[in-house]
C-alpha atoms as a PDB file:
ATOM      1  CA  MET A   1      35.496  -3.006 -13.141  1.00  0.00           C
ATOM      2  CA  ILE A   2      34.042  -0.157 -11.083  1.00  0.00           C
ATOM      3  CA  ILE A   3      32.516   2.875 -12.810  1.00  0.00           C
ATOM      4  CA  THR A   4      32.021   6.213 -11.058  1.00  0.00           C
ATOM      5  CA  ILE A   5      28.642   7.883 -11.545  1.00  0.00           C
ATOM      6  CA  LEU A   6      27.860  11.513 -10.733  1.00  0.00           C
ATOM      7  CA  ILE A   7      24.265  12.032  -9.625  1.00  0.00           C
ATOM      8  CA  ALA A   8      22.883  15.137  -7.935  1.00  0.00           C
ATOM      9  CA  PHE A   9      26.160  16.129  -6.255  1.00  0.00           C
ATOM     10  CA  SER A  10      26.790  12.580  -5.055  1.00  0.00           C
ATOM     11  CA  VAL A  11      29.585  10.484  -6.451  1.00  0.00           C
ATOM     12  CA  PHE A  12      29.792   6.746  -5.918  1.00  0.00           C
ATOM     13  CA  ASP A  13      31.133   3.672  -7.627  1.00  0.00           C
ATOM     14  CA  VAL A  14      28.858   0.944  -8.945  1.00  0.00           C
ATOM     15  CA  PRO A  15      30.115  -2.638  -9.039  1.00  0.00           C
ATOM     16  CA  PHE A  16      28.810  -3.493 -12.490  1.00  0.00           C
ATOM     17  CA  PRO A  17      29.958  -2.507 -15.954  1.00  0.00           C
ATOM     18  CA  LEU A  18      28.040   0.209 -17.749  1.00  0.00           C
ATOM     19  CA  SER A  19      26.917  -0.484 -21.277  1.00  0.00           C
ATOM     20  CA  ASN A  20      25.039   1.192 -24.125  1.00  0.00           C
ATOM     21  CA  ASP A  21      21.964  -0.924 -23.451  1.00  0.00           C
ATOM     22  CA  MET A  22      21.396   0.672 -19.989  1.00  0.00           C
ATOM     23  CA  ALA A  23      19.247   3.607 -18.990  1.00  0.00           C
ATOM     24  CA  PHE A  24      19.174   5.362 -15.602  1.00  0.00           C
ATOM     25  CA  ILE A  25      16.318   6.657 -13.469  1.00  0.00           C
ATOM     26  CA  THR A  26      16.811   8.334 -10.097  1.00  0.00           C
ATOM     27  CA  ILE A  27      14.443   8.383  -7.144  1.00  0.00           C
ATOM     28  CA  PRO A  28      16.114  10.999  -4.919  1.00  0.00           C
ATOM     29  CA  LYS A  29      13.089  12.476  -3.146  1.00  0.00           C
ATOM     30  CA  ASP A  30       9.903  11.618  -1.364  1.00  0.00           C
ATOM     31  CA  ILE A  31       7.689   9.269  -3.302  1.00  0.00           C
ATOM     32  CA  ASN A  32       4.587  11.297  -4.072  1.00  0.00           C
ATOM     33  CA  ARG A  33       2.203  11.420  -7.007  1.00  0.00           C
ATOM     34  CA  ALA A  34       4.297  13.856  -9.080  1.00  0.00           C
ATOM     35  CA  ASN A  35       7.560  11.949  -8.578  1.00  0.00           C
ATOM     36  CA  ALA A  36       5.828   8.623  -9.213  1.00  0.00           C
ATOM     37  CA  ASP A  37       4.277  10.013 -12.405  1.00  0.00           C
ATOM     38  CA  SER A  38       7.750  10.978 -13.611  1.00  0.00           C
ATOM     39  CA  VAL A  39       9.244   7.568 -12.788  1.00  0.00           C
ATOM     40  CA  VAL A  40       6.329   5.661 -14.338  1.00  0.00           C
ATOM     41  CA  ASP A  41       6.455   7.790 -17.499  1.00  0.00           C
ATOM     42  CA  SER A  42      10.211   7.217 -17.790  1.00  0.00           C
ATOM     43  CA  LEU A  43       9.792   3.460 -17.309  1.00  0.00           C
ATOM     44  CA  LEU A  44       7.062   3.293 -19.949  1.00  0.00           C
ATOM     45  CA  ILE A  45       9.195   5.215 -22.447  1.00  0.00           C
ATOM     46  CA  LEU A  46      12.213   3.003 -21.760  1.00  0.00           C
ATOM     47  CA  GLY A  47       9.990  -0.057 -22.063  1.00  0.00           C
ATOM     48  CA  GLN A  48       9.350   0.857 -25.713  1.00  0.00           C
ATOM     49  CA  LYS A  49      13.023   1.281 -26.598  1.00  0.00           C
ATOM     50  CA  ARG A  50      14.405  -1.891 -28.166  1.00  0.00           C
ATOM     51  CA  ASN A  51      18.034  -0.877 -27.630  1.00  0.00           C
ATOM     52  CA  ILE A  52      17.519  -0.595 -23.838  1.00  0.00           C
ATOM     53  CA  LYS A  53      17.823  -3.968 -22.086  1.00  0.00           C
ATOM     54  CA  LYS A  54      18.492  -2.814 -18.514  1.00  0.00           C
ATOM     55  CA  VAL A  55      17.063  -0.009 -16.416  1.00  0.00           C
ATOM     56  CA  VAL A  56      19.153   1.107 -13.447  1.00  0.00           C
ATOM     57  CA  MET A  57      17.069   2.758 -10.739  1.00  0.00           C
ATOM     58  CA  ILE A  58      19.198   4.756  -8.316  1.00  0.00           C
ATOM     59  CA  ILE A  59      17.308   5.198  -5.054  1.00  0.00           C
ATOM     60  CA  CYS A  60      18.004   7.593  -2.199  1.00  0.00           C
ATOM     61  CA  SER A  61      14.651   8.190  -0.554  1.00  0.00           C
ATOM     62  CA  THR A  62      12.975   8.133   2.832  1.00  0.00           C
ATOM     63  CA  GLY A  63       9.827   6.841   1.139  1.00  0.00           C
ATOM     64  CA  GLY A  64       6.423   8.339   0.801  1.00  0.00           C
ATOM     65  CA  ILE A  65       3.043   7.230  -0.462  1.00  0.00           C
ATOM     66  CA  VAL A  66       2.868   3.421  -0.604  1.00  0.00           C
ATOM     67  CA  ALA A  67       0.202   3.380  -3.332  1.00  0.00           C
ATOM     68  CA  GLU A  68       2.528   5.405  -5.585  1.00  0.00           C
ATOM     69  CA  ALA A  69       5.411   3.018  -4.878  1.00  0.00           C
ATOM     70  CA  LEU A  70       3.142   0.100  -5.820  1.00  0.00           C
ATOM     71  CA  ARG A  71       2.343   1.863  -9.094  1.00  0.00           C
ATOM     72  CA  ILE A  72       6.073   2.179  -9.815  1.00  0.00           C
ATOM     73  CA  ILE A  73       6.654  -1.494  -8.958  1.00  0.00           C
ATOM     74  CA  SER A  74       3.790  -2.583 -11.204  1.00  0.00           C
ATOM     75  CA  THR A  75       5.331  -0.627 -14.076  1.00  0.00           C
ATOM     76  CA  MET A  76       8.793  -2.059 -13.353  1.00  0.00           C
ATOM     77  CA  LYS A  77       7.347  -5.549 -13.806  1.00  0.00           C
ATOM     78  CA  ALA A  78       5.281  -4.640 -16.870  1.00  0.00           C
ATOM     79  CA  ILE A  79       8.039  -3.217 -19.080  1.00  0.00           C
ATOM     80  CA  ASN A  80       9.875  -6.532 -19.500  1.00  0.00           C
ATOM     81  CA  LYS A  81      13.370  -5.116 -18.924  1.00  0.00           C
ATOM     82  CA  GLU A  82      15.989  -6.152 -16.394  1.00  0.00           C
ATOM     83  CA  ILE A  83      15.642  -3.753 -13.465  1.00  0.00           C
ATOM     84  CA  ILE A  84      18.773  -3.070 -11.421  1.00  0.00           C
ATOM     85  CA  THR A  85      18.176  -1.135  -8.207  1.00  0.00           C
ATOM     86  CA  VAL A  86      21.003   0.739  -6.524  1.00  0.00           C
ATOM     87  CA  GLY A  87      20.412   2.068  -3.022  1.00  0.00           C
ATOM     88  CA  TYR A  88      22.549   4.684  -1.346  1.00  0.00           C
ATOM     89  CA  GLN A  89      22.446   6.826   1.800  1.00  0.00           C
ATOM     90  CA  GLU A  90      18.811   6.128   2.777  1.00  0.00           C
ATOM     91  CA  VAL A  91      16.287   3.634   1.414  1.00  0.00           C
ATOM     92  CA  SER A  92      13.238   3.510   3.648  1.00  0.00           C
ATOM     93  CA  SER A  93       9.533   2.903   3.786  1.00  0.00           C
ATOM     94  CA  SER A  94       7.951   2.740   0.330  1.00  0.00           C
ATOM     95  CA  ALA A  95      11.367   3.319  -1.297  1.00  0.00           C
ATOM     96  CA  LEU A  96      12.469   0.034   0.263  1.00  0.00           C
ATOM     97  CA  LEU A  97       9.611  -1.723  -1.561  1.00  0.00           C
ATOM     98  CA  ILE A  98      10.834  -0.311  -4.882  1.00  0.00           C
ATOM     99  CA  PHE A  99      14.453  -1.185  -4.099  1.00  0.00           C
ATOM    100  CA  ALA A 100      13.588  -4.753  -3.070  1.00  0.00           C
ATOM    101  CA  SER A 101      11.610  -5.268  -6.292  1.00  0.00           C
ATOM    102  CA  GLY A 102      14.682  -4.992  -8.503  1.00  0.00           C
ATOM    103  CA  ASP A 103      15.954  -8.020 -10.421  1.00  0.00           C
ATOM    104  CA  LYS A 104      19.465  -7.232  -9.153  1.00  0.00           C
ATOM    105  CA  ARG A 105      19.793  -5.143  -5.985  1.00  0.00           C
ATOM    106  CA  TYR A 106      23.007  -3.282  -5.152  1.00  0.00           C
ATOM    107  CA  LEU A 107      23.390  -1.433  -1.872  1.00  0.00           C
ATOM    108  CA  ARG A 108      26.150   0.967  -0.931  1.00  0.00           C
ATOM    109  CA  LYS A 109      27.832  -0.155   2.294  1.00  0.00           C
ATOM    110  CA  ASP A 110      26.929   2.990   4.261  1.00  0.00           C
ATOM    111  CA  THR A 111      23.234   2.884   3.369  1.00  0.00           C
ATOM    112  CA  GLY A 112      20.540   2.632   6.026  1.00  0.00           C
ATOM    113  CA  LEU A 113      17.175   0.986   5.400  1.00  0.00           C
ATOM    114  CA  THR A 114      13.944   1.145   7.389  1.00  0.00           C
ATOM    115  CA  MET A 115      11.098  -1.317   6.913  1.00  0.00           C
ATOM    116  CA  HIS A 116       7.728  -0.627   8.520  1.00  0.00           C
ATOM    117  CA  LEU A 117       4.014  -1.104   7.962  1.00  0.00           C
ATOM    118  CA  PRO A 118       2.085   1.525   5.980  1.00  0.00           C
ATOM    119  CA  PHE A 119       0.313   4.153   8.047  1.00  0.00           C
ATOM    120  CA  ILE A 120      -2.062   7.069   7.560  1.00  0.00           C
ATOM    121  CA  HIS A 121      -1.367  10.704   8.466  1.00  0.00           C
ATOM    122  CA  PHE A 122      -4.370  12.610   9.816  1.00  0.00           C
ATOM    123  CA  ARG A 123      -4.171  16.391   9.665  1.00  0.00           C
ATOM    124  CA  ASN A 124      -7.059  17.875  11.606  1.00  0.00           C
ATOM    125  CA  GLU A 125      -9.542  16.095   9.370  1.00  0.00           C
ATOM    126  CA  LYS A 126     -13.013  15.181  10.524  1.00  0.00           C
ATOM    127  CA  LEU A 127     -13.995  11.690   9.426  1.00  0.00           C
ATOM    128  CA  ASP A 128     -17.211   9.817   9.930  1.00  0.00           C
ATOM    129  CA  VAL A 129     -17.233   6.124  10.791  1.00  0.00           C
ATOM    130  CA  LYS A 130     -17.707   5.026   7.155  1.00  0.00           C
ATOM    131  CA  GLN A 131     -14.785   7.150   5.967  1.00  0.00           C
ATOM    132  CA  LEU A 132     -12.572   5.811   8.729  1.00  0.00           C
ATOM    133  CA  ALA A 133     -13.610   2.215   7.985  1.00  0.00           C
ATOM    134  CA  GLY A 134     -12.748   2.730   4.328  1.00  0.00           C
ATOM    135  CA  LEU A 135      -9.298   4.049   5.257  1.00  0.00           C
ATOM    136  CA  VAL A 136      -8.663   1.090   7.556  1.00  0.00           C
ATOM    137  CA  ILE A 137      -9.672  -1.387   4.842  1.00  0.00           C
ATOM    138  CA  GLY A 138      -7.427   0.401   2.341  1.00  0.00           C
ATOM    139  CA  LEU A 139      -4.552   0.425   4.813  1.00  0.00           C
ATOM    140  CA  GLU A 140      -4.965  -3.299   5.430  1.00  0.00           C
ATOM    141  CA  LYS A 141      -4.790  -3.945   1.668  1.00  0.00           C
ATOM    142  CA  LEU A 142      -1.604  -1.824   1.348  1.00  0.00           C
ATOM    143  CA  THR A 143      -0.119  -3.711   4.312  1.00  0.00           C
ATOM    144  CA  ARG A 144      -0.811  -7.108   2.712  1.00  0.00           C
ATOM    145  CA  GLU A 145       0.656  -5.966  -0.618  1.00  0.00           C
ATOM    146  CA  SER A 146       3.766  -4.542   1.086  1.00  0.00           C
ATOM    147  CA  ILE A 147       4.359  -7.739   3.059  1.00  0.00           C
ATOM    148  CA  GLU A 148       3.908  -9.808  -0.118  1.00  0.00           C
ATOM    149  CA  ILE A 149       6.504  -7.714  -1.983  1.00  0.00           C
ATOM    150  CA  ILE A 150       9.041  -8.118   0.822  1.00  0.00           C
ATOM    151  CA  HIS A 151       8.254 -11.842   1.076  1.00  0.00           C
ATOM    152  CA  GLU A 152       8.804 -12.326  -2.673  1.00  0.00           C
ATOM    153  CA  ALA A 153      12.053 -10.334  -2.549  1.00  0.00           C
ATOM    154  CA  THR A 154      13.552 -11.950   0.549  1.00  0.00           C
ATOM    155  CA  GLY A 155      11.950 -15.354   0.996  1.00  0.00           C
ATOM    156  CA  GLN A 156      11.296 -14.445   4.638  1.00  0.00           C
ATOM    157  CA  PRO A 157       8.051 -15.836   6.120  1.00  0.00           C
ATOM    158  CA  LYS A 158       5.200 -13.330   5.986  1.00  0.00           C
ATOM    159  CA  GLU A 159       4.650 -13.645   9.736  1.00  0.00           C
ATOM    160  CA  LYS A 160       8.277 -12.680  10.414  1.00  0.00           C
ATOM    161  CA  ILE A 161       8.044  -9.700   8.062  1.00  0.00           C
ATOM    162  CA  GLU A 162       4.866  -8.496   9.745  1.00  0.00           C
ATOM    163  CA  LYS A 163       6.471  -8.856  13.182  1.00  0.00           C
ATOM    164  CA  ASP A 164       9.624  -7.039  12.011  1.00  0.00           C
ATOM    165  CA  CYS A 165       7.449  -4.192  10.665  1.00  0.00           C
ATOM    166  CA  GLU A 166       5.436  -3.665  13.845  1.00  0.00           C
ATOM    167  CA  ASN A 167       6.077  -0.998  16.474  1.00  0.00           C
ATOM    168  CA  GLY A 168       7.825   1.424  14.153  1.00  0.00           C
ATOM    169  CA  GLY A 169       9.557  -1.226  12.083  1.00  0.00           C
ATOM    170  CA  THR A 170      13.127  -2.416  11.770  1.00  0.00           C
ATOM    171  CA  ARG A 171      16.238  -0.439  10.904  1.00  0.00           C
ATOM    172  CA  PHE A 172      18.858  -2.286   8.832  1.00  0.00           C
ATOM    173  CA  SER A 173      22.484  -1.598   8.055  1.00  0.00           C
ATOM    174  CA  ALA A 174      23.569  -2.664   4.566  1.00  0.00           C
ATOM    175  CA  GLU A 175      25.027  -5.895   6.002  1.00  0.00           C
ATOM    176  CA  GLU A 176      21.816  -6.657   7.894  1.00  0.00           C
ATOM    177  CA  ALA A 177      19.756  -5.963   4.761  1.00  0.00           C
ATOM    178  CA  LEU A 178      21.940  -8.385   2.807  1.00  0.00           C
ATOM    179  CA  LYS A 179      21.446 -11.115   5.431  1.00  0.00           C
ATOM    180  CA  TYR A 180      17.691 -10.475   5.515  1.00  0.00           C
ATOM    181  CA  GLY A 181      17.530 -10.855   1.735  1.00  0.00           C
ATOM    182  CA  LEU A 182      16.654  -7.262   0.843  1.00  0.00           C
ATOM    183  CA  ALA A 183      19.852  -6.786  -1.201  1.00  0.00           C
ATOM    184  CA  ASP A 184      22.025  -8.999  -3.392  1.00  0.00           C
ATOM    185  CA  THR A 185      25.337  -7.127  -3.315  1.00  0.00           C
ATOM    186  CA  ILE A 186      26.987  -4.508  -1.125  1.00  0.00           C
ATOM    187  CA  PHE A 187      29.550  -2.159  -2.643  1.00  0.00           C
END
C-alpha cells in the first residue's frame, strides 16, 4: 500500500502504511541551531507520548552545522521510538548523518546524497594560534564522530568512509546510496 503525503508543496508516495501510532517531523532547511532546537524539542515531546511508537523524519536538506546534527541524532537514539527516515530531493552533509541514523531508511529514487568531511567556514576572522588549534581539535572530533555514524549505519570500513569523504566527498544517486548501505529501501 502506498500513501501520498503532502509536505511543503511537495507530494510523494511513501512505501509503508501510515498508522495512528506515527508522528511526522520534517527537516526541510539548513541544519542550524534554531532548526535543530525545533527538531530536538519535537523529538523530546514525542518521546513522552505513549501512543506514538514511530517517528517519521522527512528530510530534504543540504546539511548545515554538524554539531547540531549530532544533537538531533543523540535525541533520536534517546527517545526509545522507532525512527523512520525518508529522504527526498537532496540529503547532504550533516543531513546525511541524520538520515543514515534512522532505524528504517527510505529514499526517493530521484534523491541525491553528498557525503563529505566536516569543515569550518572562516569569514574574515582573526584567530590566534590557540584559537585555531582549538578549532582543528574540534573539527577532528566532529570528523571521527561523523565517520563512526556512517560506519555504524553502513558497515563500511572507517578507512573507506574517510577516503570517500576526502577531496570534497562523494556524490551518490539513490541506487548508489542503497549499495553503499546508506539507505534500506528506494521508492
